[in-house]
Every structure is written in structure tokens, then in C-alpha cells.
N, C-alpha and C. Protein backbone atom coordinates (compact mmCIF):
# COMPACT_ATOMS: atom_id res chain seq x y z
N MET A 1 0.82 -1.19 0.00
CA MET A 1 0.00 0.00 0.00
C MET A 1 0.86 1.25 0.00
N SER A 2 1.80 1.36 0.91
CA SER A 2 2.65 2.54 0.97
C SER A 2 4.05 2.13 1.38
N ALA A 3 4.97 3.08 1.26
CA ALA A 3 6.35 2.81 1.66
C ALA A 3 6.41 2.64 3.18
N PRO A 4 7.38 1.83 3.65
CA PRO A 4 7.56 1.71 5.11
C PRO A 4 7.78 3.09 5.73
N ALA A 5 7.47 3.21 7.00
CA ALA A 5 7.52 4.50 7.69
C ALA A 5 8.90 5.16 7.64
N ASN A 6 9.95 4.35 7.51
CA ASN A 6 11.30 4.92 7.55
C ASN A 6 11.88 5.21 6.17
N THR A 7 11.07 5.11 5.11
CA THR A 7 11.54 5.43 3.76
C THR A 7 10.58 6.41 3.10
N ILE A 8 11.10 7.16 2.15
CA ILE A 8 10.27 8.11 1.41
C ILE A 8 9.87 7.47 0.09
N SER A 9 8.62 7.66 -0.31
CA SER A 9 8.14 7.14 -1.60
C SER A 9 8.85 7.84 -2.74
N GLU A 10 8.65 7.30 -3.92
CA GLU A 10 9.21 7.88 -5.14
C GLU A 10 8.83 9.36 -5.25
N LYS A 11 9.77 10.18 -5.69
CA LYS A 11 9.50 11.62 -5.84
C LYS A 11 8.47 11.85 -6.93
N ILE A 12 7.60 12.83 -6.71
CA ILE A 12 6.60 13.23 -7.70
C ILE A 12 6.69 14.73 -7.90
N GLY A 13 6.13 15.19 -8.99
CA GLY A 13 6.08 16.62 -9.24
C GLY A 13 4.89 17.26 -8.56
N PHE A 14 4.92 18.58 -8.41
CA PHE A 14 3.82 19.30 -7.78
C PHE A 14 2.52 19.09 -8.54
N ASP A 15 2.59 18.99 -9.87
CA ASP A 15 1.38 18.74 -10.66
C ASP A 15 0.75 17.40 -10.31
N ASP A 16 1.58 16.39 -9.97
CA ASP A 16 1.05 15.10 -9.54
C ASP A 16 0.27 15.25 -8.24
N PHE A 17 0.83 16.02 -7.32
CA PHE A 17 0.14 16.28 -6.05
C PHE A 17 -1.22 16.95 -6.28
N LEU A 18 -1.25 17.91 -7.19
CA LEU A 18 -2.49 18.64 -7.46
C LEU A 18 -3.58 17.75 -8.05
N ARG A 19 -3.20 16.64 -8.65
CA ARG A 19 -4.19 15.72 -9.22
C ARG A 19 -4.95 14.96 -8.15
N VAL A 20 -4.39 14.83 -6.95
CA VAL A 20 -5.07 14.13 -5.85
C VAL A 20 -5.96 15.16 -5.15
N ASP A 21 -7.26 14.95 -5.25
CA ASP A 21 -8.25 15.90 -4.71
C ASP A 21 -8.64 15.47 -3.29
N ILE A 22 -8.07 16.12 -2.29
CA ILE A 22 -8.35 15.81 -0.88
C ILE A 22 -9.23 16.90 -0.32
N ARG A 23 -10.40 16.49 0.18
CA ARG A 23 -11.39 17.43 0.70
C ARG A 23 -11.75 17.09 2.14
N VAL A 24 -12.33 18.07 2.82
CA VAL A 24 -12.82 17.87 4.17
C VAL A 24 -14.33 17.70 4.12
N GLY A 25 -14.82 16.80 4.97
CA GLY A 25 -16.26 16.58 5.08
C GLY A 25 -16.62 16.19 6.49
N THR A 26 -17.92 16.23 6.78
CA THR A 26 -18.42 15.88 8.11
C THR A 26 -19.15 14.55 8.05
N ILE A 27 -18.81 13.64 8.94
CA ILE A 27 -19.47 12.34 9.00
C ILE A 27 -20.90 12.54 9.51
N VAL A 28 -21.87 12.08 8.72
CA VAL A 28 -23.28 12.22 9.09
C VAL A 28 -23.91 10.87 9.44
N GLU A 29 -23.23 9.79 9.09
CA GLU A 29 -23.73 8.45 9.43
C GLU A 29 -22.55 7.50 9.52
N ALA A 30 -22.59 6.59 10.50
CA ALA A 30 -21.54 5.59 10.68
C ALA A 30 -22.16 4.33 11.26
N ALA A 31 -21.77 3.18 10.70
CA ALA A 31 -22.30 1.89 11.16
C ALA A 31 -21.32 0.80 10.78
N PRO A 32 -21.39 -0.35 11.47
CA PRO A 32 -20.52 -1.47 11.08
C PRO A 32 -20.80 -1.86 9.62
N LEU A 33 -19.74 -2.27 8.93
CA LEU A 33 -19.86 -2.70 7.54
C LEU A 33 -19.96 -4.21 7.51
N ASP A 34 -21.15 -4.71 7.22
CA ASP A 34 -21.38 -6.15 7.13
C ASP A 34 -20.71 -6.70 5.87
N GLY A 35 -20.10 -7.87 5.98
CA GLY A 35 -19.52 -8.54 4.83
C GLY A 35 -18.09 -8.16 4.52
N ALA A 36 -17.48 -7.28 5.29
CA ALA A 36 -16.08 -6.92 5.06
C ALA A 36 -15.18 -8.02 5.62
N ARG A 37 -14.05 -8.28 4.94
CA ARG A 37 -13.12 -9.30 5.43
C ARG A 37 -12.50 -8.91 6.76
N LYS A 38 -12.16 -7.63 6.91
CA LYS A 38 -11.60 -7.11 8.17
C LYS A 38 -12.64 -6.17 8.76
N PRO A 39 -12.71 -6.07 10.09
CA PRO A 39 -13.70 -5.18 10.70
C PRO A 39 -13.57 -3.75 10.15
N ALA A 40 -14.69 -3.19 9.75
CA ALA A 40 -14.70 -1.85 9.16
C ALA A 40 -16.01 -1.16 9.46
N LEU A 41 -16.02 0.13 9.26
CA LEU A 41 -17.24 0.93 9.39
C LEU A 41 -17.59 1.50 8.03
N ARG A 42 -18.89 1.62 7.78
CA ARG A 42 -19.34 2.33 6.58
C ARG A 42 -19.71 3.73 7.04
N LEU A 43 -19.22 4.71 6.31
CA LEU A 43 -19.43 6.11 6.65
C LEU A 43 -20.18 6.80 5.53
N ARG A 44 -21.01 7.76 5.90
CA ARG A 44 -21.59 8.69 4.93
C ARG A 44 -21.06 10.06 5.34
N ILE A 45 -20.38 10.72 4.40
CA ILE A 45 -19.67 11.97 4.69
C ILE A 45 -20.23 13.08 3.83
N ASP A 46 -20.57 14.20 4.46
CA ASP A 46 -21.09 15.37 3.75
C ASP A 46 -19.94 16.29 3.36
N PHE A 47 -19.73 16.45 2.04
CA PHE A 47 -18.67 17.31 1.53
C PHE A 47 -19.20 18.66 1.06
N GLY A 48 -20.41 19.00 1.46
CA GLY A 48 -20.96 20.31 1.13
C GLY A 48 -21.67 20.35 -0.22
N PRO A 49 -22.15 21.55 -0.59
CA PRO A 49 -22.99 21.71 -1.78
C PRO A 49 -22.36 21.24 -3.09
N GLY A 50 -21.07 21.43 -3.28
CA GLY A 50 -20.46 21.07 -4.55
C GLY A 50 -20.34 19.58 -4.79
N LEU A 51 -20.03 18.82 -3.74
CA LEU A 51 -19.81 17.38 -3.88
C LEU A 51 -20.92 16.54 -3.27
N GLY A 52 -21.63 17.07 -2.31
CA GLY A 52 -22.70 16.32 -1.66
C GLY A 52 -22.17 15.26 -0.72
N GLU A 53 -23.00 14.25 -0.48
CA GLU A 53 -22.64 13.17 0.43
C GLU A 53 -22.03 12.01 -0.34
N LYS A 54 -21.00 11.41 0.25
CA LYS A 54 -20.31 10.27 -0.35
C LYS A 54 -20.15 9.19 0.70
N LYS A 55 -20.04 7.94 0.24
CA LYS A 55 -19.88 6.78 1.12
C LYS A 55 -18.41 6.36 1.16
N SER A 56 -18.01 5.85 2.33
CA SER A 56 -16.64 5.37 2.49
C SER A 56 -16.62 4.18 3.44
N SER A 57 -15.76 3.22 3.13
CA SER A 57 -15.48 2.11 4.04
C SER A 57 -14.15 2.42 4.72
N ALA A 58 -14.10 2.26 6.04
CA ALA A 58 -12.87 2.58 6.77
C ALA A 58 -12.62 1.54 7.86
N GLN A 59 -11.40 1.02 7.89
CA GLN A 59 -11.00 0.05 8.91
C GLN A 59 -10.50 0.82 10.14
N ILE A 60 -11.45 1.37 10.87
CA ILE A 60 -11.12 2.25 12.00
C ILE A 60 -11.78 1.79 13.30
N THR A 61 -12.15 0.50 13.37
CA THR A 61 -12.91 0.00 14.52
C THR A 61 -12.10 -0.06 15.81
N ARG A 62 -10.79 -0.04 15.72
CA ARG A 62 -9.95 -0.14 16.93
C ARG A 62 -10.10 1.10 17.82
N HIS A 63 -10.16 2.28 17.19
CA HIS A 63 -10.18 3.52 17.96
C HIS A 63 -11.51 4.25 17.96
N TYR A 64 -12.45 3.84 17.09
CA TYR A 64 -13.67 4.64 16.92
C TYR A 64 -14.91 3.76 16.96
N ARG A 65 -15.91 4.25 17.69
CA ARG A 65 -17.24 3.63 17.68
C ARG A 65 -18.14 4.49 16.79
N PRO A 66 -19.06 3.87 16.06
CA PRO A 66 -19.88 4.63 15.11
C PRO A 66 -20.52 5.89 15.69
N GLU A 67 -21.10 5.78 16.88
CA GLU A 67 -21.82 6.92 17.46
C GLU A 67 -20.89 8.09 17.79
N GLU A 68 -19.60 7.81 18.01
CA GLU A 68 -18.63 8.87 18.32
C GLU A 68 -18.22 9.67 17.07
N LEU A 69 -18.46 9.10 15.91
CA LEU A 69 -17.98 9.71 14.67
C LEU A 69 -18.92 10.75 14.08
N ILE A 70 -20.19 10.68 14.45
CA ILE A 70 -21.17 11.61 13.88
C ILE A 70 -20.77 13.04 14.24
N GLY A 71 -20.69 13.90 13.22
CA GLY A 71 -20.32 15.29 13.42
C GLY A 71 -18.82 15.56 13.34
N ARG A 72 -18.01 14.52 13.25
CA ARG A 72 -16.55 14.69 13.17
C ARG A 72 -16.15 15.00 11.73
N GLN A 73 -15.27 15.98 11.57
CA GLN A 73 -14.75 16.28 10.24
C GLN A 73 -13.54 15.39 9.95
N VAL A 74 -13.45 14.94 8.71
CA VAL A 74 -12.35 14.09 8.27
C VAL A 74 -11.88 14.54 6.89
N ALA A 75 -10.70 14.09 6.51
CA ALA A 75 -10.17 14.35 5.18
C ALA A 75 -10.31 13.09 4.35
N ALA A 76 -10.59 13.26 3.05
CA ALA A 76 -10.74 12.11 2.17
C ALA A 76 -10.33 12.46 0.75
N VAL A 77 -9.80 11.46 0.04
CA VAL A 77 -9.54 11.61 -1.39
C VAL A 77 -10.87 11.37 -2.10
N VAL A 78 -11.30 12.36 -2.88
CA VAL A 78 -12.62 12.28 -3.51
C VAL A 78 -12.57 11.96 -5.00
N ASN A 79 -11.37 11.86 -5.58
CA ASN A 79 -11.32 11.61 -7.02
C ASN A 79 -10.69 10.28 -7.40
N PHE A 80 -10.66 9.31 -6.49
CA PHE A 80 -10.31 7.94 -6.86
C PHE A 80 -11.56 7.28 -7.40
N PRO A 81 -11.42 6.25 -8.24
CA PRO A 81 -12.61 5.53 -8.70
C PRO A 81 -13.27 4.80 -7.51
N PRO A 82 -14.59 4.62 -7.55
CA PRO A 82 -15.26 3.85 -6.48
C PRO A 82 -14.66 2.45 -6.37
N ARG A 83 -14.73 1.88 -5.17
CA ARG A 83 -14.17 0.55 -4.92
C ARG A 83 -15.19 -0.31 -4.20
N GLN A 84 -15.39 -1.51 -4.70
CA GLN A 84 -16.33 -2.45 -4.10
C GLN A 84 -15.69 -3.10 -2.88
N ILE A 85 -16.34 -2.98 -1.72
CA ILE A 85 -15.88 -3.61 -0.48
C ILE A 85 -17.03 -4.51 -0.03
N GLY A 86 -16.93 -5.81 -0.31
CA GLY A 86 -18.05 -6.71 -0.05
C GLY A 86 -19.23 -6.27 -0.89
N LYS A 87 -20.37 -6.02 -0.26
CA LYS A 87 -21.56 -5.55 -0.97
C LYS A 87 -21.65 -4.02 -0.97
N PHE A 88 -20.65 -3.36 -0.43
CA PHE A 88 -20.67 -1.91 -0.26
C PHE A 88 -19.76 -1.24 -1.29
N MET A 89 -20.25 -0.15 -1.90
CA MET A 89 -19.44 0.61 -2.85
C MET A 89 -18.87 1.84 -2.14
N SER A 90 -17.55 1.85 -1.94
CA SER A 90 -16.87 2.96 -1.29
C SER A 90 -16.51 3.99 -2.34
N GLU A 91 -16.97 5.23 -2.14
CA GLU A 91 -16.80 6.29 -3.15
C GLU A 91 -15.60 7.20 -2.89
N VAL A 92 -15.15 7.28 -1.64
CA VAL A 92 -14.01 8.12 -1.28
C VAL A 92 -13.09 7.35 -0.33
N LEU A 93 -11.82 7.77 -0.28
CA LEU A 93 -10.85 7.16 0.62
C LEU A 93 -10.65 8.08 1.81
N THR A 94 -11.16 7.66 2.97
CA THR A 94 -11.00 8.42 4.20
C THR A 94 -9.55 8.25 4.67
N LEU A 95 -8.91 9.36 5.05
CA LEU A 95 -7.48 9.35 5.34
C LEU A 95 -7.16 9.28 6.83
N GLY A 96 -6.06 8.61 7.14
CA GLY A 96 -5.59 8.52 8.51
C GLY A 96 -4.12 8.16 8.53
N PHE A 97 -3.56 8.14 9.73
CA PHE A 97 -2.17 7.75 9.95
C PHE A 97 -2.14 6.54 10.86
N PRO A 98 -1.10 5.69 10.76
CA PRO A 98 -1.01 4.54 11.66
C PRO A 98 -0.50 4.96 13.03
N ASP A 99 -1.10 4.37 14.07
CA ASP A 99 -0.55 4.57 15.40
C ASP A 99 0.63 3.60 15.59
N ALA A 100 1.15 3.48 16.80
CA ALA A 100 2.31 2.62 17.06
C ALA A 100 2.03 1.15 16.75
N ASP A 101 0.75 0.74 16.77
CA ASP A 101 0.38 -0.64 16.47
C ASP A 101 -0.11 -0.82 15.04
N GLY A 102 -0.05 0.24 14.23
CA GLY A 102 -0.50 0.15 12.84
C GLY A 102 -1.99 0.36 12.66
N GLU A 103 -2.69 0.75 13.70
CA GLU A 103 -4.14 1.01 13.61
C GLU A 103 -4.38 2.44 13.15
N VAL A 104 -5.46 2.64 12.40
CA VAL A 104 -5.73 3.94 11.80
C VAL A 104 -6.21 4.98 12.81
N VAL A 105 -5.58 6.15 12.75
CA VAL A 105 -6.02 7.34 13.47
C VAL A 105 -6.44 8.34 12.40
N LEU A 106 -7.68 8.79 12.44
CA LEU A 106 -8.22 9.65 11.39
C LEU A 106 -7.50 10.99 11.29
N LEU A 107 -7.38 11.47 10.07
CA LEU A 107 -6.83 12.79 9.79
C LEU A 107 -7.99 13.78 9.79
N GLN A 108 -7.86 14.84 10.56
CA GLN A 108 -8.93 15.83 10.64
C GLN A 108 -8.33 17.20 10.88
N PRO A 109 -9.06 18.26 10.46
CA PRO A 109 -8.55 19.61 10.72
C PRO A 109 -8.56 19.89 12.22
N GLU A 110 -7.66 20.75 12.67
CA GLU A 110 -7.58 21.04 14.11
C GLU A 110 -8.66 22.00 14.58
N ARG A 111 -9.40 22.59 13.63
CA ARG A 111 -10.60 23.37 13.97
C ARG A 111 -11.60 23.20 12.83
N THR A 112 -12.85 23.52 13.10
CA THR A 112 -13.91 23.33 12.11
C THR A 112 -13.69 24.25 10.90
N VAL A 113 -13.82 23.65 9.72
CA VAL A 113 -13.71 24.38 8.46
C VAL A 113 -14.91 24.03 7.60
N PRO A 114 -15.22 24.84 6.56
CA PRO A 114 -16.37 24.53 5.72
C PRO A 114 -16.20 23.20 4.98
N ASN A 115 -17.27 22.40 4.95
CA ASN A 115 -17.25 21.14 4.21
C ASN A 115 -16.93 21.41 2.74
N GLY A 116 -16.13 20.52 2.16
CA GLY A 116 -15.77 20.64 0.76
C GLY A 116 -14.46 21.35 0.52
N GLY A 117 -13.88 21.95 1.57
CA GLY A 117 -12.60 22.65 1.40
C GLY A 117 -11.53 21.69 0.92
N ARG A 118 -10.71 22.17 -0.01
CA ARG A 118 -9.66 21.33 -0.60
C ARG A 118 -8.32 21.56 0.11
N LEU A 119 -7.63 20.45 0.35
CA LEU A 119 -6.29 20.51 0.95
C LEU A 119 -5.32 21.21 0.00
N PHE A 120 -4.53 22.11 0.54
CA PHE A 120 -3.46 22.74 -0.24
C PHE A 120 -2.26 22.94 0.64
């Protein structure tokens, strides 16, 4: 999936970075994802008027319970193709960093920002 933590991935140009569309959205629904090989949650994230609501599958059950996620802002890649996860179609990639045990810790702004804002 990615380079080990102690190595840097292949260098890319700034134009390559600009092609990855990372936006902020607010989680409006979260529930266990039935049929996933690894424990996961299905999320519905509101990215505001321009993008609307999108679905995401996230393997974040170690640190997060569904009810705690409602109203939390997260960052996600919104321009990857949809991906089938069991019977669920994930439309965006919710972003996080690994903790010391390799479990996902969600990436979020340190204060509330408008939904749909693009990372720069």
C-alpha cells in the first residue's frame, strides 16, 4: 500500500500532487460494515454543496465507535474511482495515519472548516 515509515516514496512533481483531490467533510452516518473481510465501518460523509454526500469504508474499529464519529470532520480523497468492499461501494478514501500498532487514526482539521474545502 505505501512505503515503510522509515523510507520516502518515489518523488513526484507538484502537478502530480495537485491531481489528488483531498477534501474535508463531516461524518453524518456511521455503522458497522457487514460482509467486510476485516472489521470496518461504513461512513456517509457530507462534503458540502459542490460534492454532496459520499460513502466510504474505513478500517477504524480499533479507535472509533460509530456513534462517536457523527459530526466529526475528516479528510478524504474524492477523485479515486469507487471501490467495491463486499456488498458496499466505497466512493471516497478516508485518510488517517497509523498509530504505534498500525491502527488507523483519522486525519482531521484542528478546527472546524467549511465542508468541501480542498487541501493545499
